[in-house]
Amino acid sequence: MNGRSQSSATDFEILISTLRAEGHEQAARKLDELLHEVAWTSSSEMVGELGLEVVRFQRGNPRVSPELQELLHRCLKQIKRVWPGIENAPGI
């Protein structure tokens, strides 16, 4: 795994932990499942699915701390490197 991939994975691990700490267990569980339990055919497929979950969570307008908001922004920035138009994906 290269440095960028490790950084991305670390950001998502921190995001999952922070979601749990702030009471967003369902979102944390879904991201954890996508990151650790699904066998992906490609890394871009995994990033896309993680991105859809992040966008769904944000669209739900939850109350989040500034720290969690920053983590969501940072993860979404990484996702957009692979899927630039993720917020406009149909069905979310």
Protein backbone atom coordinates (compact mmCIF):
# COMPACT_ATOMS: atom_id res chain seq x y z
CA MET A 1 0.00 0.00 0.00
CA ASN A 2 1.47 3.38 -0.94
CA GLY A 3 1.65 6.42 1.36
CA ARG A 4 -1.47 8.02 -0.10
CA SER A 5 -3.52 4.83 0.30
CA GLN A 6 -2.38 4.43 3.91
CA SER A 7 -3.30 8.05 4.64
CA SER A 8 -6.72 7.57 3.07
CA ALA A 9 -7.36 4.40 5.04
CA THR A 10 -6.26 6.12 8.23
CA ASP A 11 -8.63 9.05 7.60
CA PHE A 12 -11.52 6.64 7.12
CA GLU A 13 -10.58 4.73 10.28
CA ILE A 14 -10.57 8.01 12.22
CA LEU A 15 -13.88 8.97 10.59
CA ILE A 16 -15.45 5.69 11.69
CA SER A 17 -14.20 6.13 15.26
CA THR A 18 -15.38 9.74 15.40
CA LEU A 19 -18.80 8.86 14.01
CA ARG A 20 -19.17 6.25 16.74
CA ALA A 21 -17.98 8.64 19.44
CA GLU A 22 -20.58 11.21 18.34
CA GLY A 23 -23.45 8.72 18.31
CA HIS A 24 -23.69 8.03 14.57
CA GLU A 25 -23.38 4.26 14.94
CA GLN A 26 -25.33 3.32 11.81
CA ALA A 27 -23.11 5.43 9.55
CA ALA A 28 -19.97 4.16 11.30
CA ARG A 29 -21.08 0.55 10.94
CA LYS A 30 -21.83 0.95 7.23
CA LEU A 31 -18.45 2.58 6.50
CA ASP A 32 -16.65 -0.06 8.59
CA GLU A 33 -18.42 -2.82 6.68
CA LEU A 34 -17.52 -1.27 3.32
CA LEU A 35 -13.91 -0.76 4.34
CA HIS A 36 -13.27 -4.11 6.03
CA GLU A 37 -15.83 -6.74 5.09
CA VAL A 38 -16.58 -6.36 1.39
CA ALA A 39 -14.35 -7.97 -1.25
CA TRP A 40 -13.99 -5.27 -3.89
CA THR A 41 -13.07 -5.89 -7.52
CA SER A 42 -11.24 -2.54 -7.63
CA SER A 43 -10.15 0.19 -5.27
CA SER A 44 -12.12 2.76 -7.28
CA GLU A 45 -15.29 0.74 -6.70
CA MET A 46 -14.63 0.77 -2.95
CA VAL A 47 -13.89 4.50 -2.95
CA GLY A 48 -17.12 5.15 -4.84
CA GLU A 49 -19.21 3.20 -2.34
CA LEU A 50 -17.50 4.91 0.61
CA GLY A 51 -18.18 8.23 -1.10
CA LEU A 52 -21.86 7.49 -1.56
CA GLU A 53 -22.16 6.73 2.16
CA VAL A 54 -20.35 9.94 3.13
CA VAL A 55 -22.62 11.99 0.86
CA ARG A 56 -25.75 10.24 2.19
CA PHE A 57 -24.66 10.97 5.74
CA GLN A 58 -23.99 14.64 4.98
CA ARG A 59 -27.31 15.03 3.19
CA GLY A 60 -29.06 13.76 6.29
CA ASN A 61 -28.00 17.06 7.91
CA PRO A 62 -26.82 15.54 11.17
CA ARG A 63 -25.45 17.75 13.91
CA VAL A 64 -21.72 17.12 13.98
CA SER A 65 -18.72 18.57 15.75
CA PRO A 66 -16.21 20.74 13.87
CA GLU A 67 -13.75 17.83 14.12
CA LEU A 68 -16.18 15.43 12.45
CA GLN A 69 -17.07 18.01 9.81
CA GLU A 70 -13.37 18.38 8.98
CA LEU A 71 -12.94 14.60 8.73
CA LEU A 72 -15.95 14.33 6.42
CA HIS A 73 -14.52 17.10 4.25
CA ARG A 74 -11.07 15.49 4.16
CA CYS A 75 -12.47 12.06 3.25
CA LEU A 76 -14.73 13.53 0.58
CA LYS A 77 -11.74 15.36 -0.90
CA GLN A 78 -9.92 12.03 -1.23
CA ILE A 79 -13.00 10.42 -2.77
CA LYS A 80 -13.32 13.19 -5.34
CA ARG A 81 -9.84 12.37 -6.66
CA VAL A 82 -11.38 9.16 -7.98
CA TRP A 83 -15.05 10.21 -8.34
CA PRO A 84 -15.13 14.00 -8.97
CA GLY A 85 -18.91 14.21 -9.34
CA ILE A 86 -19.87 11.92 -6.47
CA GLU A 87 -22.38 14.41 -5.02
CA ASN A 88 -24.37 14.25 -8.27
CA ALA A 89 -24.59 10.46 -8.41
CA PRO A 90 -28.13 9.23 -9.12
CA GLY A 91 -30.01 7.54 -6.33
CA ILE A 92 -28.50 9.27 -3.32
